[in-house]
Amino acid sequence: MGKFQKILVPLDGSANSMRGLDKAISIANASDAEITGYYVFHLPVAAGLKYTKAMKDEAQKKAVKAIGPAMQKCERAGAKFKYATGGGNTAA
């Protein structure tokens, strides 16, 4: 396997995303790569008009729920980890 420097892993808190993270940890530890966990939060169509504090707070809770366990898993495995979030609407 070639040497990787960066690995992007989509995170949503599901078992599938954690399996992907497990593979990324394995690759990262073998190549000294940095893992970036990426969480996309849903922006309701209404958010196009006004993204309220309640919407932001709810999105933040979900992001923490998905990213926190991933961060802990990487720490335990000795893998470098950072995270990013973004918003989108699947109906768009």
PDB file of N, CA and C in Angstrom:
ATOM      1  N   MET A   1       0.854  -1.181   0.000  1.00  0.00           N
ATOM      2  CA  MET A   1       0.000   0.000   0.000  1.00  0.00           C
ATOM      3  C   MET A   1       0.895   1.238   0.000  1.00  0.00           C
ATOM      4  N   GLY A   2       0.505   2.232  -0.778  1.00  0.00           N
ATOM      5  CA  GLY A   2       1.262   3.476  -0.836  1.00  0.00           C
ATOM      6  C   GLY A   2       1.147   4.267   0.447  1.00  0.00           C
ATOM      7  N   LYS A   3       1.975   5.285   0.538  1.00  0.00           N
ATOM      8  CA  LYS A   3       1.966   6.125   1.730  1.00  0.00           C
ATOM      9  C   LYS A   3       0.939   7.238   1.556  1.00  0.00           C
ATOM     10  N   PHE A   4       0.065   7.359   2.506  1.00  0.00           N
ATOM     11  CA  PHE A   4      -0.959   8.394   2.506  1.00  0.00           C
ATOM     12  C   PHE A   4      -0.581   9.479   3.501  1.00  0.00           C
ATOM     13  N   GLN A   5      -0.989  10.710   3.195  1.00  0.00           N
ATOM     14  CA  GLN A   5      -0.757  11.804   4.129  1.00  0.00           C
ATOM     15  C   GLN A   5      -2.046  12.231   4.818  1.00  0.00           C
ATOM     16  N   LYS A   6      -3.153  12.168   4.076  1.00  0.00           N
ATOM     17  CA  LYS A   6      -4.444  12.597   4.609  1.00  0.00           C
ATOM     18  C   LYS A   6      -5.527  11.613   4.181  1.00  0.00           C
ATOM     19  N   ILE A   7      -6.468  11.373   5.112  1.00  0.00           N
ATOM     20  CA  ILE A   7      -7.593  10.475   4.844  1.00  0.00           C
ATOM     21  C   ILE A   7      -8.870  11.181   5.292  1.00  0.00           C
ATOM     22  N   LEU A   8      -9.835  11.282   4.393  1.00  0.00           N
ATOM     23  CA  LEU A   8     -11.123  11.895   4.706  1.00  0.00           C
ATOM     24  C   LEU A   8     -12.149  10.797   4.976  1.00  0.00           C
ATOM     25  N   VAL A   9     -12.807  10.893   6.133  1.00  0.00           N
ATOM     26  CA  VAL A   9     -13.794   9.876   6.530  1.00  0.00           C
ATOM     27  C   VAL A   9     -15.124  10.560   6.822  1.00  0.00           C
ATOM     28  N   PRO A  10     -16.184  10.214   6.071  1.00  0.00           N
ATOM     29  CA  PRO A  10     -17.496  10.765   6.398  1.00  0.00           C
ATOM     30  C   PRO A  10     -18.021  10.129   7.683  1.00  0.00           C
ATOM     31  N   LEU A  11     -18.552  10.953   8.560  1.00  0.00           N
ATOM     32  CA  LEU A  11     -19.067  10.469   9.842  1.00  0.00           C
ATOM     33  C   LEU A  11     -20.527  10.864  10.011  1.00  0.00           C
ATOM     34  N   ASP A  12     -21.341   9.910  10.433  1.00  0.00           N
ATOM     35  CA  ASP A  12     -22.731  10.217  10.765  1.00  0.00           C
ATOM     36  C   ASP A  12     -23.178   9.489  12.025  1.00  0.00           C
ATOM     37  N   GLY A  13     -22.236   8.829  12.678  1.00  0.00           N
ATOM     38  CA  GLY A  13     -22.558   8.099  13.899  1.00  0.00           C
ATOM     39  C   GLY A  13     -23.042   6.684  13.663  1.00  0.00           C
ATOM     40  N   SER A  14     -23.180   6.280  12.408  1.00  0.00           N
ATOM     41  CA  SER A  14     -23.682   4.939  12.107  1.00  0.00           C
ATOM     42  C   SER A  14     -22.572   3.892  12.225  1.00  0.00           C
ATOM     43  N   ALA A  15     -22.992   2.633  12.279  1.00  0.00           N
ATOM     44  CA  ALA A  15     -22.029   1.530  12.328  1.00  0.00           C
ATOM     45  C   ALA A  15     -21.174   1.524  11.067  1.00  0.00           C
ATOM     46  N   ASN A  16     -21.768   1.846   9.933  1.00  0.00           N
ATOM     47  CA  ASN A  16     -21.002   1.871   8.688  1.00  0.00           C
ATOM     48  C   ASN A  16     -19.909   2.939   8.718  1.00  0.00           C
ATOM     49  N   SER A  17     -20.228   4.114   9.234  1.00  0.00           N
ATOM     50  CA  SER A  17     -19.196   5.153   9.275  1.00  0.00           C
ATOM     51  C   SER A  17     -18.084   4.769  10.245  1.00  0.00           C
ATOM     52  N   MET A  18     -18.415   4.077  11.309  1.00  0.00           N
ATOM     53  CA  MET A  18     -17.383   3.641  12.253  1.00  0.00           C
ATOM     54  C   MET A  18     -16.521   2.530  11.652  1.00  0.00           C
ATOM     55  N   ARG A  19     -17.105   1.674  10.811  1.00  0.00           N
ATOM     56  CA  ARG A  19     -16.295   0.666  10.114  1.00  0.00           C
ATOM     57  C   ARG A  19     -15.322   1.356   9.159  1.00  0.00           C
ATOM     58  N   GLY A  20     -15.805   2.401   8.485  1.00  0.00           N
ATOM     59  CA  GLY A  20     -14.919   3.172   7.621  1.00  0.00           C
ATOM     60  C   GLY A  20     -13.795   3.821   8.409  1.00  0.00           C
ATOM     61  N   LEU A  21     -14.123   4.317   9.597  1.00  0.00           N
ATOM     62  CA  LEU A  21     -13.115   4.921  10.460  1.00  0.00           C
ATOM     63  C   LEU A  21     -12.092   3.879  10.894  1.00  0.00           C
ATOM     64  N   ASP A  22     -12.545   2.669  11.207  1.00  0.00           N
ATOM     65  CA  ASP A  22     -11.612   1.603  11.597  1.00  0.00           C
ATOM     66  C   ASP A  22     -10.590   1.351  10.491  1.00  0.00           C
ATOM     67  N   LYS A  23     -11.052   1.288   9.260  1.00  0.00           N
ATOM     68  CA  LYS A  23     -10.153   1.072   8.123  1.00  0.00           C
ATOM     69  C   LYS A  23      -9.206   2.260   7.979  1.00  0.00           C
ATOM     70  N   ALA A  24      -9.739   3.470   8.137  1.00  0.00           N
ATOM     71  CA  ALA A  24      -8.905   4.668   8.034  1.00  0.00           C
ATOM     72  C   ALA A  24      -7.822   4.677   9.111  1.00  0.00           C
ATOM     73  N   ILE A  25      -8.159   4.241  10.321  1.00  0.00           N
ATOM     74  CA  ILE A  25      -7.178   4.171  11.405  1.00  0.00           C
ATOM     75  C   ILE A  25      -6.065   3.197  11.041  1.00  0.00           C
ATOM     76  N   SER A  26      -6.448   2.068  10.497  1.00  0.00           N
ATOM     77  CA  SER A  26      -5.462   1.071  10.090  1.00  0.00           C
ATOM     78  C   SER A  26      -4.500   1.641   9.045  1.00  0.00           C
ATOM     79  N   ILE A  27      -5.057   2.322   8.052  1.00  0.00           N
ATOM     80  CA  ILE A  27      -4.228   2.925   6.998  1.00  0.00           C
ATOM     81  C   ILE A  27      -3.382   4.060   7.568  1.00  0.00           C
ATOM     82  N   ALA A  28      -3.997   4.891   8.409  1.00  0.00           N
ATOM     83  CA  ALA A  28      -3.288   6.038   8.983  1.00  0.00           C
ATOM     84  C   ALA A  28      -2.116   5.600   9.838  1.00  0.00           C
ATOM     85  N   ASN A  29      -2.311   4.587  10.651  1.00  0.00           N
ATOM     86  CA  ASN A  29      -1.226   4.126  11.515  1.00  0.00           C
ATOM     87  C   ASN A  29      -0.091   3.504  10.711  1.00  0.00           C
ATOM     88  N   ALA A  30      -0.415   2.891   9.582  1.00  0.00           N
ATOM     89  CA  ALA A  30       0.617   2.281   8.739  1.00  0.00           C
ATOM     90  C   ALA A  30       1.398   3.315   7.940  1.00  0.00           C
ATOM     91  N   SER A  31       0.798   4.474   7.710  1.00  0.00           N
ATOM     92  CA  SER A  31       1.454   5.472   6.850  1.00  0.00           C
ATOM     93  C   SER A  31       1.644   6.824   7.527  1.00  0.00           C
ATOM     94  N   ASP A  32       1.366   6.905   8.819  1.00  0.00           N
ATOM     95  CA  ASP A  32       1.496   8.153   9.578  1.00  0.00           C
ATOM     96  C   ASP A  32       0.638   9.275   8.977  1.00  0.00           C
ATOM     97  N   ALA A  33      -0.538   8.916   8.506  1.00  0.00           N
ATOM     98  CA  ALA A  33      -1.452   9.884   7.896  1.00  0.00           C
ATOM     99  C   ALA A  33      -2.346  10.529   8.959  1.00  0.00           C
ATOM    100  N   GLU A  34      -2.929  11.660   8.596  1.00  0.00           N
ATOM    101  CA  GLU A  34      -3.883  12.352   9.461  1.00  0.00           C
ATOM    102  C   GLU A  34      -5.296  12.079   8.941  1.00  0.00           C
ATOM    103  N   ILE A  35      -6.183  11.729   9.850  1.00  0.00           N
ATOM    104  CA  ILE A  35      -7.580  11.475   9.505  1.00  0.00           C
ATOM    105  C   ILE A  35      -8.387  12.747   9.744  1.00  0.00           C
ATOM    106  N   THR A  36      -9.219  13.095   8.772  1.00  0.00           N
ATOM    107  CA  THR A  36     -10.193  14.175   8.958  1.00  0.00           C
ATOM    108  C   THR A  36     -11.573  13.546   8.932  1.00  0.00           C
ATOM    109  N   GLY A  37     -12.272  13.628  10.049  1.00  0.00           N
ATOM    110  CA  GLY A  37     -13.652  13.171  10.116  1.00  0.00           C
ATOM    111  C   GLY A  37     -14.556  14.310   9.657  1.00  0.00           C
ATOM    112  N   TYR A  38     -15.445  14.034   8.725  1.00  0.00           N
ATOM    113  CA  TYR A  38     -16.308  15.085   8.166  1.00  0.00           C
ATOM    114  C   TYR A  38     -17.771  14.751   8.427  1.00  0.00           C
ATOM    115  N   TYR A  39     -18.450  15.653   9.096  1.00  0.00           N
ATOM    116  CA  TYR A  39     -19.876  15.488   9.403  1.00  0.00           C
ATOM    117  C   TYR A  39     -20.669  16.549   8.651  1.00  0.00           C
ATOM    118  N   VAL A  40     -21.663  16.116   7.892  1.00  0.00           N
ATOM    119  CA  VAL A  40     -22.539  17.043   7.173  1.00  0.00           C
ATOM    120  C   VAL A  40     -23.871  17.091   7.896  1.00  0.00           C
ATOM    121  N   PHE A  41     -24.258  18.278   8.329  1.00  0.00           N
ATOM    122  CA  PHE A  41     -25.544  18.414   8.998  1.00  0.00           C
ATOM    123  C   PHE A  41     -26.595  18.893   8.009  1.00  0.00           C
ATOM    124  N   HIS A  42     -27.795  18.405   8.222  1.00  0.00           N
ATOM    125  CA  HIS A  42     -28.920  18.728   7.345  1.00  0.00           C
ATOM    126  C   HIS A  42     -29.418  20.147   7.614  1.00  0.00           C
ATOM    127  N   LEU A  43     -29.522  20.909   6.553  1.00  0.00           N
ATOM    128  CA  LEU A  43     -30.120  22.239   6.657  1.00  0.00           C
ATOM    129  C   LEU A  43     -31.510  22.169   6.034  1.00  0.00           C
ATOM    130  N   PRO A  44     -32.541  22.320   6.832  1.00  0.00           N
ATOM    131  CA  PRO A  44     -33.895  22.294   6.269  1.00  0.00           C
ATOM    132  C   PRO A  44     -34.064  23.406   5.235  1.00  0.00           C
ATOM    133  N   VAL A  45     -34.992  23.199   4.325  1.00  0.00           N
ATOM    134  CA  VAL A  45     -35.261  24.205   3.304  1.00  0.00           C
ATOM    135  C   VAL A  45     -35.524  25.562   3.957  1.00  0.00           C
ATOM    136  N   ALA A  46     -36.175  25.551   5.104  1.00  0.00           N
ATOM    137  CA  ALA A  46     -36.468  26.797   5.818  1.00  0.00           C
ATOM    138  C   ALA A  46     -35.193  27.540   6.207  1.00  0.00           C
ATOM    139  N   ALA A  47     -34.093  26.804   6.347  1.00  0.00           N
ATOM    140  CA  ALA A  47     -32.842  27.441   6.733  1.00  0.00           C
ATOM    141  C   ALA A  47     -32.328  28.371   5.640  1.00  0.00           C
ATOM    142  N   GLY A  48     -32.773  28.139   4.415  1.00  0.00           N
ATOM    143  CA  GLY A  48     -32.389  29.036   3.335  1.00  0.00           C
ATOM    144  C   GLY A  48     -32.909  30.439   3.570  1.00  0.00           C
ATOM    145  N   LEU A  49     -34.026  30.523   4.284  1.00  0.00           N
ATOM    146  CA  LEU A  49     -34.594  31.820   4.610  1.00  0.00           C
ATOM    147  C   LEU A  49     -33.963  32.390   5.872  1.00  0.00           C
ATOM    148  N   LYS A  50     -33.872  31.531   6.895  1.00  0.00           N
ATOM    149  CA  LYS A  50     -33.255  31.974   8.143  1.00  0.00           C
ATOM    150  C   LYS A  50     -32.819  30.748   8.942  1.00  0.00           C
ATOM    151  N   TYR A  51     -31.548  30.682   9.235  1.00  0.00           N
ATOM    152  CA  TYR A  51     -30.986  29.589  10.015  1.00  0.00           C
ATOM    153  C   TYR A  51     -31.043  30.007  11.476  1.00  0.00           C
ATOM    154  N   THR A  52     -32.002  29.453  12.214  1.00  0.00           N
ATOM    155  CA  THR A  52     -32.250  29.889  13.588  1.00  0.00           C
ATOM    156  C   THR A  52     -31.244  29.288  14.568  1.00  0.00           C
ATOM    157  N   LYS A  53     -31.189  29.867  15.752  1.00  0.00           N
ATOM    158  CA  LYS A  53     -30.318  29.350  16.802  1.00  0.00           C
ATOM    159  C   LYS A  53     -30.719  27.927  17.179  1.00  0.00           C
ATOM    160  N   ALA A  54     -32.007  27.654  17.202  1.00  0.00           N
ATOM    161  CA  ALA A  54     -32.480  26.298  17.532  1.00  0.00           C
ATOM    162  C   ALA A  54     -31.977  25.287  16.497  1.00  0.00           C
ATOM    163  N   MET A  55     -32.006  25.664  15.221  1.00  0.00           N
ATOM    164  CA  MET A  55     -31.500  24.787  14.160  1.00  0.00           C
ATOM    165  C   MET A  55     -30.000  24.547  14.346  1.00  0.00           C
ATOM    166  N   LYS A  56     -29.278  25.605  14.654  1.00  0.00           N
ATOM    167  CA  LYS A  56     -27.834  25.504  14.857  1.00  0.00           C
ATOM    168  C   LYS A  56     -27.514  24.618  16.051  1.00  0.00           C
ATOM    169  N   ASP A  57     -28.241  24.802  17.154  1.00  0.00           N
ATOM    170  CA  ASP A  57     -28.019  24.001  18.354  1.00  0.00           C
ATOM    171  C   ASP A  57     -28.283  22.520  18.102  1.00  0.00           C
ATOM    172  N   GLU A  58     -29.347  22.224  17.377  1.00  0.00           N
ATOM    173  CA  GLU A  58     -29.691  20.827  17.060  1.00  0.00           C
ATOM    174  C   GLU A  58     -28.614  20.201  16.172  1.00  0.00           C
ATOM    175  N   ALA A  59     -28.159  20.944  15.176  1.00  0.00           N
ATOM    176  CA  ALA A  59     -27.100  20.445  14.288  1.00  0.00           C
ATOM    177  C   ALA A  59     -25.821  20.186  15.080  1.00  0.00           C
ATOM    178  N   GLN A  60     -25.512  21.067  16.008  1.00  0.00           N
ATOM    179  CA  GLN A  60     -24.306  20.921  16.829  1.00  0.00           C
ATOM    180  C   GLN A  60     -24.383  19.670  17.693  1.00  0.00           C
ATOM    181  N   LYS A  61     -25.547  19.399  18.279  1.00  0.00           N
ATOM    182  CA  LYS A  61     -25.720  18.202  19.115  1.00  0.00           C
ATOM    183  C   LYS A  61     -25.460  16.937  18.306  1.00  0.00           C
ATOM    184  N   LYS A  62     -26.020  16.901  17.098  1.00  0.00           N
ATOM    185  CA  LYS A  62     -25.845  15.722  16.242  1.00  0.00           C
ATOM    186  C   LYS A  62     -24.390  15.563  15.814  1.00  0.00           C
ATOM    187  N   ALA A  63     -23.735  16.668  15.521  1.00  0.00           N
ATOM    188  CA  ALA A  63     -22.326  16.610  15.118  1.00  0.00           C
ATOM    189  C   ALA A  63     -21.459  16.065  16.247  1.00  0.00           C
ATOM    190  N   VAL A  64     -21.682  16.546  17.462  1.00  0.00           N
ATOM    191  CA  VAL A  64     -20.911  16.081  18.617  1.00  0.00           C
ATOM    192  C   VAL A  64     -21.145  14.589  18.845  1.00  0.00           C
ATOM    193  N   LYS A  65     -22.378  14.148  18.653  1.00  0.00           N
ATOM    194  CA  LYS A  65     -22.719  12.737  18.843  1.00  0.00           C
ATOM    195  C   LYS A  65     -22.000  11.849  17.826  1.00  0.00           C
ATOM    196  N   ALA A  66     -21.776  12.356  16.619  1.00  0.00           N
ATOM    197  CA  ALA A  66     -21.090  11.581  15.585  1.00  0.00           C
ATOM    198  C   ALA A  66     -19.571  11.703  15.694  1.00  0.00           C
ATOM    199  N   ILE A  67     -19.080  12.896  15.990  1.00  0.00           N
ATOM    200  CA  ILE A  67     -17.636  13.147  15.977  1.00  0.00           C
ATOM    201  C   ILE A  67     -16.952  12.692  17.271  1.00  0.00           C
ATOM    202  N   GLY A  68     -17.615  12.861  18.410  1.00  0.00           N
ATOM    203  CA  GLY A  68     -17.001  12.516  19.698  1.00  0.00           C
ATOM    204  C   GLY A  68     -16.470  11.092  19.769  1.00  0.00           C
ATOM    205  N   PRO A  69     -17.294  10.089  19.480  1.00  0.00           N
ATOM    206  CA  PRO A  69     -16.800   8.706  19.540  1.00  0.00           C
ATOM    207  C   PRO A  69     -15.665   8.443  18.545  1.00  0.00           C
ATOM    208  N   ALA A  70     -15.737   9.080  17.383  1.00  0.00           N
ATOM    209  CA  ALA A  70     -14.677   8.905  16.387  1.00  0.00           C
ATOM    210  C   ALA A  70     -13.362   9.474  16.905  1.00  0.00           C
ATOM    211  N   MET A  71     -13.432  10.626  17.521  1.00  0.00           N
ATOM    212  CA  MET A  71     -12.239  11.264  18.077  1.00  0.00           C
ATOM    213  C   MET A  71     -11.629  10.378  19.167  1.00  0.00           C
ATOM    214  N   GLN A  72     -12.469   9.846  20.034  1.00  0.00           N
ATOM    215  CA  GLN A  72     -11.988   8.983  21.111  1.00  0.00           C
ATOM    216  C   GLN A  72     -11.348   7.710  20.562  1.00  0.00           C
ATOM    217  N   LYS A  73     -11.965   7.137  19.537  1.00  0.00           N
ATOM    218  CA  LYS A  73     -11.443   5.911  18.933  1.00  0.00           C
ATOM    219  C   LYS A  73     -10.061   6.161  18.325  1.00  0.00           C
ATOM    220  N   CYS A  74      -9.904   7.288  17.664  1.00  0.00           N
ATOM    221  CA  CYS A  74      -8.606   7.632  17.073  1.00  0.00           C
ATOM    222  C   CYS A  74      -7.555   7.863  18.158  1.00  0.00           C
ATOM    223  N   GLU A  75      -7.942   8.542  19.221  1.00  0.00           N
ATOM    224  CA  GLU A  75      -7.005   8.778  20.333  1.00  0.00           C
ATOM    225  C   GLU A  75      -6.519   7.455  20.919  1.00  0.00           C
ATOM    226  N   ARG A  76      -7.461   6.533  21.153  1.00  0.00           N
ATOM    227  CA  ARG A  76      -7.094   5.227  21.727  1.00  0.00           C
ATOM    228  C   ARG A  76      -6.162   4.456  20.798  1.00  0.00           C
ATOM    229  N   ALA A  77      -6.345   4.632  19.482  1.00  0.00           N
ATOM    230  CA  ALA A  77      -5.532   3.901  18.501  1.00  0.00           C
ATOM    231  C   ALA A  77      -4.233   4.622  18.160  1.00  0.00           C
ATOM    232  N   GLY A  78      -4.057   5.838  18.691  1.00  0.00           N
ATOM    233  CA  GLY A  78      -2.847   6.593  18.408  1.00  0.00           C
ATOM    234  C   GLY A  78      -2.819   7.226  17.027  1.00  0.00           C
ATOM    235  N   ALA A  79      -3.994   7.414  16.428  1.00  0.00           N
ATOM    236  CA  ALA A  79      -4.077   8.015  15.096  1.00  0.00           C
ATOM    237  C   ALA A  79      -4.345   9.519  15.212  1.00  0.00           C
ATOM    238  N   LYS A  80      -3.729  10.289  14.327  1.00  0.00           N
ATOM    239  CA  LYS A  80      -3.963  11.737  14.292  1.00  0.00           C
ATOM    240  C   LYS A  80      -5.362  11.984  13.738  1.00  0.00           C
ATOM    241  N   PHE A  81      -6.116  12.883  14.394  1.00  0.00           N
ATOM    242  CA  PHE A  81      -7.497  13.121  13.995  1.00  0.00           C
ATOM    243  C   PHE A  81      -7.842  14.595  14.118  1.00  0.00           C
ATOM    244  N   LYS A  82      -8.540  15.096  13.129  1.00  0.00           N
ATOM    245  CA  LYS A  82      -9.170  16.406  13.212  1.00  0.00           C
ATOM    246  C   LYS A  82     -10.549  16.258  12.594  1.00  0.00           C
ATOM    247  N   TYR A  83     -11.382  17.264  12.720  1.00  0.00           N
ATOM    248  CA  TYR A  83     -12.723  17.150  12.168  1.00  0.00           C
ATOM    249  C   TYR A  83     -13.136  18.432  11.498  1.00  0.00           C
ATOM    250  N   ALA A  84     -14.145  18.299  10.641  1.00  0.00           N
ATOM    251  CA  ALA A  84     -14.749  19.438   9.960  1.00  0.00           C
ATOM    252  C   ALA A  84     -16.235  19.148   9.818  1.00  0.00           C
ATOM    253  N   THR A  85     -17.021  20.194   9.717  1.00  0.00           N
ATOM    254  CA  THR A  85     -18.452  20.026   9.501  1.00  0.00           C
ATOM    255  C   THR A  85     -18.897  20.932   8.356  1.00  0.00           C
ATOM    256  N   GLY A  86     -20.014  20.593   7.789  1.00  0.00           N
ATOM    257  CA  GLY A  86     -20.599  21.396   6.737  1.00  0.00           C
ATOM    258  C   GLY A  86     -22.087  21.159   6.704  1.00  0.00           C
ATOM    259  N   GLY A  87     -22.826  22.044   6.081  1.00  0.00           N
ATOM    260  CA  GLY A  87     -24.271  21.903   6.024  1.00  0.00           C
ATOM    261  C   GLY A  87     -24.751  21.750   4.601  1.00  0.00           C
ATOM    262  N   GLY A  88     -25.844  21.056   4.452  1.00  0.00           N
ATOM    263  CA  GLY A  88     -26.430  20.874   3.129  1.00  0.00           C
ATOM    264  C   GLY A  88     -27.868  20.423   3.229  1.00  0.00           C
ATOM    265  N   ASN A  89     -28.527  20.387   2.098  1.00  0.00           N
ATOM    266  CA  ASN A  89     -29.920  19.984   2.023  1.00  0.00           C
ATOM    267  C   ASN A  89     -30.047  18.951   0.922  1.00  0.00           C
ATOM    268  N   THR A  90     -30.523  17.761   1.280  1.00  0.00           N
ATOM    269  CA  THR A  90     -30.642  16.685   0.308  1.00  0.00           C
ATOM    270  C   THR A  90     -31.758  16.948  -0.702  1.00  0.00           C
ATOM    271  N   ALA A  91     -32.673  17.841  -0.370  1.00  0.00           N
ATOM    272  CA  ALA A  91     -33.784  18.123  -1.279  1.00  0.00           C
ATOM    273  C   ALA A  91     -33.369  19.127  -2.366  1.00  0.00           C
ATOM    274  N   ALA A  92     -32.256  19.778  -2.192  1.00  0.00           N
ATOM    275  CA  ALA A  92     -31.826  20.799  -3.157  1.00  0.00           C
ATOM    276  C   ALA A  92     -31.297  20.211  -4.424  1.00  0.00           C
TER     277      ALA A  92
END
